[in-house]
Amino acid sequence: SLRLSCAAPGRTLSSYGLGWFRQVPGKAREFVA
């Protein structure tokens, strides 16, 4: 298991929809969540 974090220093994210994507070399960026 791993837990990834994504922060926005100095900024509130409460008005934003957020997502995670992933990419391997040579392939398109892929939706995760």
PDB file of all heavy atoms in Angstrom:
ATOM      1  N   SER A   1       0.837  -1.210   0.000  1.00  0.00           N
ATOM      2  CA  SER A   1       0.000   0.000   0.000  1.00  0.00           C
ATOM      3  C   SER A   1       0.868   1.256   0.000  1.00  0.00           C
ATOM      4  O   SER A   1       1.992   1.247   0.497  1.00  0.00           O
ATOM      5  CB  SER A   1      -0.909   0.025   1.232  1.00  0.00           C
ATOM      6  OG  SER A   1      -1.797  -1.063   1.251  1.00  0.00           O
ATOM      7  N   LEU A   2       0.313   2.311  -0.542  1.00  0.00           N
ATOM      8  CA  LEU A   2       0.916   3.630  -0.499  1.00  0.00           C
ATOM      9  C   LEU A   2      -0.199   4.658  -0.382  1.00  0.00           C
ATOM     10  O   LEU A   2      -1.318   4.416  -0.845  1.00  0.00           O
ATOM     11  CB  LEU A   2       1.711   3.935  -1.768  1.00  0.00           C
ATOM     12  CG  LEU A   2       3.110   3.390  -1.938  1.00  0.00           C
ATOM     13  CD1 LEU A   2       3.641   3.765  -3.328  1.00  0.00           C
ATOM     14  CD2 LEU A   2       4.046   3.887  -0.863  1.00  0.00           C
ATOM     15  N   ARG A   3       0.135   5.802   0.187  1.00  0.00           N
ATOM     16  CA  ARG A   3      -0.799   6.920   0.173  1.00  0.00           C
ATOM     17  C   ARG A   3      -0.107   8.124  -0.462  1.00  0.00           C
ATOM     18  O   ARG A   3       0.919   8.594   0.039  1.00  0.00           O
ATOM     19  CB  ARG A   3      -1.293   7.289   1.569  1.00  0.00           C
ATOM     20  CG  ARG A   3      -2.410   8.335   1.505  1.00  0.00           C
ATOM     21  CD  ARG A   3      -3.003   8.677   2.856  1.00  0.00           C
ATOM     22  NE  ARG A   3      -2.195   9.634   3.593  1.00  0.00           N
ATOM     23  CZ  ARG A   3      -2.661  10.415   4.548  1.00  0.00           C
ATOM     24  NH1 ARG A   3      -3.949  10.349   4.877  1.00  0.00           N
ATOM     25  NH2 ARG A   3      -1.861  11.230   5.195  1.00  0.00           N
ATOM     26  N   LEU A   4      -0.692   8.587  -1.549  1.00  0.00           N
ATOM     27  CA  LEU A   4      -0.201   9.793  -2.205  1.00  0.00           C
ATOM     28  C   LEU A   4      -0.939  11.008  -1.658  1.00  0.00           C
ATOM     29  O   LEU A   4      -2.117  10.926  -1.321  1.00  0.00           O
ATOM     30  CB  LEU A   4      -0.412   9.710  -3.716  1.00  0.00           C
ATOM     31  CG  LEU A   4       0.176   8.496  -4.429  1.00  0.00           C
ATOM     32  CD1 LEU A   4      -0.060   8.618  -5.937  1.00  0.00           C
ATOM     33  CD2 LEU A   4       1.645   8.332  -4.120  1.00  0.00           C
ATOM     34  N   SER A   5      -0.216  12.103  -1.605  1.00  0.00           N
ATOM     35  CA  SER A   5      -0.805  13.369  -1.185  1.00  0.00           C
ATOM     36  C   SER A   5      -0.558  14.414  -2.256  1.00  0.00           C
ATOM     37  O   SER A   5       0.426  14.343  -2.998  1.00  0.00           O
ATOM     38  CB  SER A   5      -0.188  13.854   0.130  1.00  0.00           C
ATOM     39  OG  SER A   5      -0.364  12.917   1.161  1.00  0.00           O
ATOM     40  N   CYS A   6      -1.447  15.381  -2.303  1.00  0.00           N
ATOM     41  CA  CYS A   6      -1.289  16.494  -3.227  1.00  0.00           C
ATOM     42  C   CYS A   6      -1.747  17.750  -2.499  1.00  0.00           C
ATOM     43  O   CYS A   6      -2.921  17.854  -2.120  1.00  0.00           O
ATOM     44  CB  CYS A   6      -2.099  16.269  -4.492  1.00  0.00           C
ATOM     45  SG  CYS A   6      -2.105  17.672  -5.618  1.00  0.00           S
ATOM     46  N   ALA A   7      -0.832  18.665  -2.312  1.00  0.00           N
ATOM     47  CA  ALA A   7      -1.130  19.877  -1.559  1.00  0.00           C
ATOM     48  C   ALA A   7      -1.049  21.106  -2.454  1.00  0.00           C
ATOM     49  O   ALA A   7      -0.384  21.094  -3.489  1.00  0.00           O
ATOM     50  CB  ALA A   7      -0.153  20.019  -0.392  1.00  0.00           C
ATOM     51  N   ALA A   8      -1.732  22.141  -2.028  1.00  0.00           N
ATOM     52  CA  ALA A   8      -1.702  23.431  -2.719  1.00  0.00           C
ATOM     53  C   ALA A   8      -1.265  24.489  -1.711  1.00  0.00           C
ATOM     54  O   ALA A   8      -2.104  25.162  -1.108  1.00  0.00           O
ATOM     55  CB  ALA A   8      -3.063  23.774  -3.301  1.00  0.00           C
ATOM     56  N   PRO A   9       0.028  24.640  -1.527  1.00  0.00           N
ATOM     57  CA  PRO A   9       0.528  25.563  -0.505  1.00  0.00           C
ATOM     58  C   PRO A   9       0.007  26.985  -0.694  1.00  0.00           C
ATOM     59  O   PRO A   9       0.068  27.535  -1.789  1.00  0.00           O
ATOM     60  CB  PRO A   9       2.046  25.510  -0.717  1.00  0.00           C
ATOM     61  CG  PRO A   9       2.293  24.190  -1.361  1.00  0.00           C
ATOM     62  CD  PRO A   9       1.098  23.950  -2.228  1.00  0.00           C
ATOM     63  N   GLY A  10      -0.570  27.527   0.380  1.00  0.00           N
ATOM     64  CA  GLY A  10      -1.032  28.905   0.337  1.00  0.00           C
ATOM     65  C   GLY A  10      -2.310  29.116  -0.429  1.00  0.00           C
ATOM     66  O   GLY A  10      -2.686  30.260  -0.707  1.00  0.00           O
ATOM     67  N   ARG A  11      -2.995  28.038  -0.746  1.00  0.00           N
ATOM     68  CA  ARG A  11      -4.181  28.141  -1.587  1.00  0.00           C
ATOM     69  C   ARG A  11      -5.264  27.231  -1.048  1.00  0.00           C
ATOM     70  O   ARG A  11      -4.968  26.131  -0.606  1.00  0.00           O
ATOM     71  CB  ARG A  11      -3.834  27.706  -3.007  1.00  0.00           C
ATOM     72  CG  ARG A  11      -4.922  27.910  -4.025  1.00  0.00           C
ATOM     73  CD  ARG A  11      -4.790  29.242  -4.680  1.00  0.00           C
ATOM     74  NE  ARG A  11      -5.843  29.492  -5.639  1.00  0.00           N
ATOM     75  CZ  ARG A  11      -5.792  30.422  -6.569  1.00  0.00           C
ATOM     76  NH1 ARG A  11      -4.709  31.174  -6.674  1.00  0.00           N
ATOM     77  NH2 ARG A  11      -6.789  30.635  -7.388  1.00  0.00           N
ATOM     78  N   THR A  12      -6.504  27.671  -1.071  1.00  0.00           N
ATOM     79  CA  THR A  12      -7.591  26.786  -0.685  1.00  0.00           C
ATOM     80  C   THR A  12      -8.100  26.039  -1.904  1.00  0.00           C
ATOM     81  O   THR A  12      -8.191  26.599  -2.997  1.00  0.00           O
ATOM     82  CB  THR A  12      -8.733  27.574  -0.026  1.00  0.00           C
ATOM     83  OG1 THR A  12      -9.780  26.656   0.321  1.00  0.00           O
ATOM     84  CG2 THR A  12      -9.296  28.629  -0.967  1.00  0.00           C
ATOM     85  N   LEU A  13      -8.396  24.773  -1.723  1.00  0.00           N
ATOM     86  CA  LEU A  13      -8.893  23.949  -2.821  1.00  0.00           C
ATOM     87  C   LEU A  13     -10.385  23.670  -2.712  1.00  0.00           C
ATOM     88  O   LEU A  13     -10.916  22.861  -3.469  1.00  0.00           O
ATOM     89  CB  LEU A  13      -8.139  22.616  -2.861  1.00  0.00           C
ATOM     90  CG  LEU A  13      -6.668  22.685  -3.275  1.00  0.00           C
ATOM     91  CD1 LEU A  13      -6.044  21.299  -3.195  1.00  0.00           C
ATOM     92  CD2 LEU A  13      -6.520  23.242  -4.678  1.00  0.00           C
ATOM     93  N   SER A  14     -11.059  24.332  -1.812  1.00  0.00           N
ATOM     94  CA  SER A  14     -12.457  24.004  -1.550  1.00  0.00           C
ATOM     95  C   SER A  14     -13.384  24.282  -2.731  1.00  0.00           C
ATOM     96  O   SER A  14     -14.473  23.740  -2.802  1.00  0.00           O
ATOM     97  CB  SER A  14     -12.953  24.762  -0.317  1.00  0.00           C
ATOM     98  OG  SER A  14     -12.822  26.167  -0.509  1.00  0.00           O
ATOM     99  N   SER A  15     -12.943  25.104  -3.679  1.00  0.00           N
ATOM    100  CA  SER A  15     -13.782  25.429  -4.839  1.00  0.00           C
ATOM    101  C   SER A  15     -13.405  24.617  -6.073  1.00  0.00           C
ATOM    102  O   SER A  15     -13.908  24.884  -7.165  1.00  0.00           O
ATOM    103  CB  SER A  15     -13.653  26.921  -5.183  1.00  0.00           C
ATOM    104  OG  SER A  15     -14.118  27.720  -4.122  1.00  0.00           O
ATOM    105  N   TYR A  16     -12.557  23.624  -5.888  1.00  0.00           N
ATOM    106  CA  TYR A  16     -12.014  22.893  -7.025  1.00  0.00           C
ATOM    107  C   TYR A  16     -12.433  21.434  -7.024  1.00  0.00           C
ATOM    108  O   TYR A  16     -12.381  20.757  -5.986  1.00  0.00           O
ATOM    109  CB  TYR A  16     -10.484  22.954  -7.018  1.00  0.00           C
ATOM    110  CG  TYR A  16      -9.938  24.336  -7.287  1.00  0.00           C
ATOM    111  CD1 TYR A  16      -9.881  25.286  -6.280  1.00  0.00           C
ATOM    112  CD2 TYR A  16      -9.482  24.676  -8.558  1.00  0.00           C
ATOM    113  CE1 TYR A  16      -9.397  26.549  -6.531  1.00  0.00           C
ATOM    114  CE2 TYR A  16      -8.984  25.941  -8.812  1.00  0.00           C
ATOM    115  CZ  TYR A  16      -8.945  26.877  -7.786  1.00  0.00           C
ATOM    116  OH  TYR A  16      -8.457  28.131  -8.041  1.00  0.00           O
ATOM    117  N   GLY A  17     -12.851  20.967  -8.209  1.00  0.00           N
ATOM    118  CA  GLY A  17     -12.909  19.537  -8.418  1.00  0.00           C
ATOM    119  C   GLY A  17     -11.488  19.031  -8.613  1.00  0.00           C
ATOM    120  O   GLY A  17     -10.662  19.707  -9.234  1.00  0.00           O
ATOM    121  N   LEU A  18     -11.208  17.844  -8.113  1.00  0.00           N
ATOM    122  CA  LEU A  18      -9.837  17.338  -8.089  1.00  0.00           C
ATOM    123  C   LEU A  18      -9.766  15.929  -8.646  1.00  0.00           C
ATOM    124  O   LEU A  18     -10.731  15.161  -8.537  1.00  0.00           O
ATOM    125  CB  LEU A  18      -9.322  17.351  -6.644  1.00  0.00           C
ATOM    126  CG  LEU A  18      -9.353  18.712  -5.944  1.00  0.00           C
ATOM    127  CD1 LEU A  18      -9.127  18.544  -4.449  1.00  0.00           C
ATOM    128  CD2 LEU A  18      -8.337  19.652  -6.545  1.00  0.00           C
ATOM    129  N   GLY A  19      -8.626  15.611  -9.203  1.00  0.00           N
ATOM    130  CA  GLY A  19      -8.475  14.287  -9.768  1.00  0.00           C
ATOM    131  C   GLY A  19      -7.053  13.771  -9.687  1.00  0.00           C
ATOM    132  O   GLY A  19      -6.110  14.533  -9.432  1.00  0.00           O
ATOM    133  N   TRP A  20      -6.930  12.474  -9.867  1.00  0.00           N
ATOM    134  CA  TRP A  20      -5.626  11.811  -9.989  1.00  0.00           C
ATOM    135  C   TRP A  20      -5.559  11.104 -11.342  1.00  0.00           C
ATOM    136  O   TRP A  20      -6.524  10.450 -11.754  1.00  0.00           O
ATOM    137  CB  TRP A  20      -5.436  10.766  -8.891  1.00  0.00           C
ATOM    138  CG  TRP A  20      -5.141  11.322  -7.540  1.00  0.00           C
ATOM    139  CD1 TRP A  20      -6.031  11.525  -6.518  1.00  0.00           C
ATOM    140  CD2 TRP A  20      -3.870  11.741  -7.033  1.00  0.00           C
ATOM    141  NE1 TRP A  20      -5.391  12.042  -5.414  1.00  0.00           N
ATOM    142  CE2 TRP A  20      -4.061  12.176  -5.711  1.00  0.00           C
ATOM    143  CE3 TRP A  20      -2.578  11.785  -7.570  1.00  0.00           C
ATOM    144  CZ2 TRP A  20      -3.017  12.654  -4.925  1.00  0.00           C
ATOM    145  CZ3 TRP A  20      -1.543  12.249  -6.802  1.00  0.00           C
ATOM    146  CH2 TRP A  20      -1.764  12.694  -5.479  1.00  0.00           C
ATOM    147  N   PHE A  21      -4.427  11.255 -11.994  1.00  0.00           N
ATOM    148  CA  PHE A  21      -4.150  10.581 -13.252  1.00  0.00           C
ATOM    149  C   PHE A  21      -2.798   9.894 -13.123  1.00  0.00           C
ATOM    150  O   PHE A  21      -2.021  10.181 -12.206  1.00  0.00           O
ATOM    151  CB  PHE A  21      -4.111  11.597 -14.406  1.00  0.00           C
ATOM    152  CG  PHE A  21      -5.456  12.163 -14.765  1.00  0.00           C
ATOM    153  CD1 PHE A  21      -6.078  13.093 -13.947  1.00  0.00           C
ATOM    154  CD2 PHE A  21      -6.112  11.764 -15.919  1.00  0.00           C
ATOM    155  CE1 PHE A  21      -7.326  13.620 -14.261  1.00  0.00           C
ATOM    156  CE2 PHE A  21      -7.353  12.284 -16.255  1.00  0.00           C
ATOM    157  CZ  PHE A  21      -7.957  13.201 -15.419  1.00  0.00           C
ATOM    158  N   ARG A  22      -2.510   9.018 -14.045  1.00  0.00           N
ATOM    159  CA  ARG A  22      -1.200   8.383 -14.070  1.00  0.00           C
ATOM    160  C   ARG A  22      -0.743   8.197 -15.499  1.00  0.00           C
ATOM    161  O   ARG A  22      -1.561   8.167 -16.430  1.00  0.00           O
ATOM    162  CB  ARG A  22      -1.225   7.048 -13.327  1.00  0.00           C
ATOM    163  CG  ARG A  22      -2.098   5.984 -13.952  1.00  0.00           C
ATOM    164  CD  ARG A  22      -2.181   4.767 -13.023  1.00  0.00           C
ATOM    165  NE  ARG A  22      -2.977   3.689 -13.608  1.00  0.00           N
ATOM    166  CZ  ARG A  22      -3.311   2.587 -12.950  1.00  0.00           C
ATOM    167  NH1 ARG A  22      -2.920   2.411 -11.678  1.00  0.00           N
ATOM    168  NH2 ARG A  22      -4.025   1.662 -13.550  1.00  0.00           N
ATOM    169  N   GLN A  23       0.573   8.074 -15.640  1.00  0.00           N
ATOM    170  CA  GLN A  23       1.144   7.957 -16.976  1.00  0.00           C
ATOM    171  C   GLN A  23       2.414   7.134 -16.927  1.00  0.00           C
ATOM    172  O   GLN A  23       3.256   7.305 -16.045  1.00  0.00           O
ATOM    173  CB  GLN A  23       1.441   9.346 -17.546  1.00  0.00           C
ATOM    174  CG  GLN A  23       1.830   9.362 -18.993  1.00  0.00           C
ATOM    175  CD  GLN A  23       1.917  10.767 -19.555  1.00  0.00           C
ATOM    176  OE1 GLN A  23       2.152  11.726 -18.830  1.00  0.00           O
ATOM    177  NE2 GLN A  23       1.732  10.901 -20.855  1.00  0.00           N
ATOM    178  N   VAL A  24       2.531   6.248 -17.910  1.00  0.00           N
ATOM    179  CA  VAL A  24       3.780   5.518 -18.118  1.00  0.00           C
ATOM    180  C   VAL A  24       4.384   6.021 -19.411  1.00  0.00           C
ATOM    181  O   VAL A  24       3.675   6.481 -20.309  1.00  0.00           O
ATOM    182  CB  VAL A  24       3.546   3.990 -18.160  1.00  0.00           C
ATOM    183  CG1 VAL A  24       2.997   3.510 -16.831  1.00  0.00           C
ATOM    184  CG2 VAL A  24       2.593   3.609 -19.282  1.00  0.00           C
ATOM    185  N   PRO A  25       5.702   5.938 -19.531  1.00  0.00           N
ATOM    186  CA  PRO A  25       6.357   6.454 -20.737  1.00  0.00           C
ATOM    187  C   PRO A  25       5.794   5.819 -22.003  1.00  0.00           C
ATOM    188  O   PRO A  25       5.572   4.608 -22.069  1.00  0.00           O
ATOM    189  CB  PRO A  25       7.815   6.064 -20.524  1.00  0.00           C
ATOM    190  CG  PRO A  25       7.984   5.999 -19.046  1.00  0.00           C
ATOM    191  CD  PRO A  25       6.677   5.473 -18.529  1.00  0.00           C
ATOM    192  N   GLY A  26       5.513   6.669 -22.984  1.00  0.00           N
ATOM    193  CA  GLY A  26       5.029   6.184 -24.259  1.00  0.00           C
ATOM    194  C   GLY A  26       3.528   5.986 -24.338  1.00  0.00           C
ATOM    195  O   GLY A  26       3.005   5.613 -25.388  1.00  0.00           O
ATOM    196  N   LYS A  27       2.845   6.233 -23.229  1.00  0.00           N
ATOM    197  CA  LYS A  27       1.389   6.069 -23.216  1.00  0.00           C
ATOM    198  C   LYS A  27       0.707   7.366 -22.787  1.00  0.00           C
ATOM    199  O   LYS A  27       1.313   8.231 -22.175  1.00  0.00           O
ATOM    200  CB  LYS A  27       0.985   4.933 -22.279  1.00  0.00           C
ATOM    201  CG  LYS A  27       1.398   3.556 -22.763  1.00  0.00           C
ATOM    202  CD  LYS A  27       0.752   2.472 -21.927  1.00  0.00           C
ATOM    203  CE  LYS A  27       1.073   1.100 -22.468  1.00  0.00           C
ATOM    204  NZ  LYS A  27       0.425   0.018 -21.682  1.00  0.00           N
ATOM    205  N   ALA A  28      -0.573   7.446 -23.123  1.00  0.00           N
ATOM    206  CA  ALA A  28      -1.342   8.629 -22.763  1.00  0.00           C
ATOM    207  C   ALA A  28      -1.605   8.661 -21.257  1.00  0.00           C
ATOM    208  O   ALA A  28      -1.578   7.623 -20.584  1.00  0.00           O
ATOM    209  CB  ALA A  28      -2.667   8.630 -23.515  1.00  0.00           C
ATOM    210  N   ARG A  29      -1.843   9.856 -20.760  1.00  0.00           N
ATOM    211  CA  ARG A  29      -2.193  10.004 -19.351  1.00  0.00           C
ATOM    212  C   ARG A  29      -3.551   9.351 -19.112  1.00  0.00           C
ATOM    213  O   ARG A  29      -4.494   9.546 -19.877  1.00  0.00           O
ATOM    214  CB  ARG A  29      -2.223  11.493 -18.985  1.00  0.00           C
ATOM    215  CG  ARG A  29      -2.184  11.758 -17.516  1.00  0.00           C
ATOM    216  CD  ARG A  29      -1.823  13.200 -17.237  1.00  0.00           C
ATOM    217  NE  ARG A  29      -0.430  13.491 -17.569  1.00  0.00           N
ATOM    218  CZ  ARG A  29       0.172  14.629 -17.279  1.00  0.00           C
ATOM    219  NH1 ARG A  29      -0.509  15.603 -16.664  1.00  0.00           N
ATOM    220  NH2 ARG A  29       1.427  14.824 -17.608  1.00  0.00           N
ATOM    221  N   GLU A  30      -3.650   8.624 -18.023  1.00  0.00           N
ATOM    222  CA  GLU A  30      -4.822   7.786 -17.756  1.00  0.00           C
ATOM    223  C   GLU A  30      -5.546   8.255 -16.498  1.00  0.00           C
ATOM    224  O   GLU A  30      -4.911   8.506 -15.465  1.00  0.00           O
ATOM    225  CB  GLU A  30      -4.348   6.336 -17.570  1.00  0.00           C
ATOM    226  CG  GLU A  30      -5.417   5.351 -17.163  1.00  0.00           C
ATOM    227  CD  GLU A  30      -4.829   3.996 -16.785  1.00  0.00           C
ATOM    228  OE1 GLU A  30      -3.651   3.952 -16.363  1.00  0.00           O
ATOM    229  OE2 GLU A  30      -5.548   2.997 -16.897  1.00  0.00           O
ATOM    230  N   PHE A  31      -6.856   8.352 -16.588  1.00  0.00           N
ATOM    231  CA  PHE A  31      -7.669   8.712 -15.432  1.00  0.00           C
ATOM    232  C   PHE A  31      -7.584   7.625 -14.360  1.00  0.00           C
ATOM    233  O   PHE A  31      -7.651   6.429 -14.668  1.00  0.00           O
ATOM    234  CB  PHE A  31      -9.118   8.899 -15.867  1.00  0.00           C
ATOM    235  CG  PHE A  31     -10.100   9.019 -14.731  1.00  0.00           C
ATOM    236  CD1 PHE A  31     -10.161  10.186 -13.979  1.00  0.00           C
ATOM    237  CD2 PHE A  31     -10.945   7.973 -14.408  1.00  0.00           C
ATOM    238  CE1 PHE A  31     -11.055  10.303 -12.931  1.00  0.00           C
ATOM    239  CE2 PHE A  31     -11.849   8.077 -13.365  1.00  0.00           C
ATOM    240  CZ  PHE A  31     -11.903   9.247 -12.620  1.00  0.00           C
ATOM    241  N   VAL A  32      -7.466   8.050 -13.107  1.00  0.00           N
ATOM    242  CA  VAL A  32      -7.438   7.119 -11.986  1.00  0.00           C
ATOM    243  C   VAL A  32      -8.656   7.338 -11.075  1.00  0.00           C
ATOM    244  O   VAL A  32      -9.410   6.420 -10.807  1.00  0.00           O
ATOM    245  CB  VAL A  32      -6.142   7.278 -11.167  1.00  0.00           C
ATOM    246  CG1 VAL A  32      -6.177   6.387  -9.926  1.00  0.00           C
ATOM    247  CG2 VAL A  32      -4.927   6.957 -12.026  1.00  0.00           C
ATOM    248  N   ALA A  33      -8.809   8.564 -10.599  1.00  0.00           N
ATOM    249  CA  ALA A  33      -9.898   8.851  -9.659  1.00  0.00           C
ATOM    250  C   ALA A  33     -10.167  10.342  -9.642  1.00  0.00           C
ATOM    251  O   ALA A  33      -9.293  11.144  -9.976  1.00  0.00           O
ATOM    252  CB  ALA A  33      -9.535   8.367  -8.259  1.00  0.00           C
TER     253      ALA A  33
END
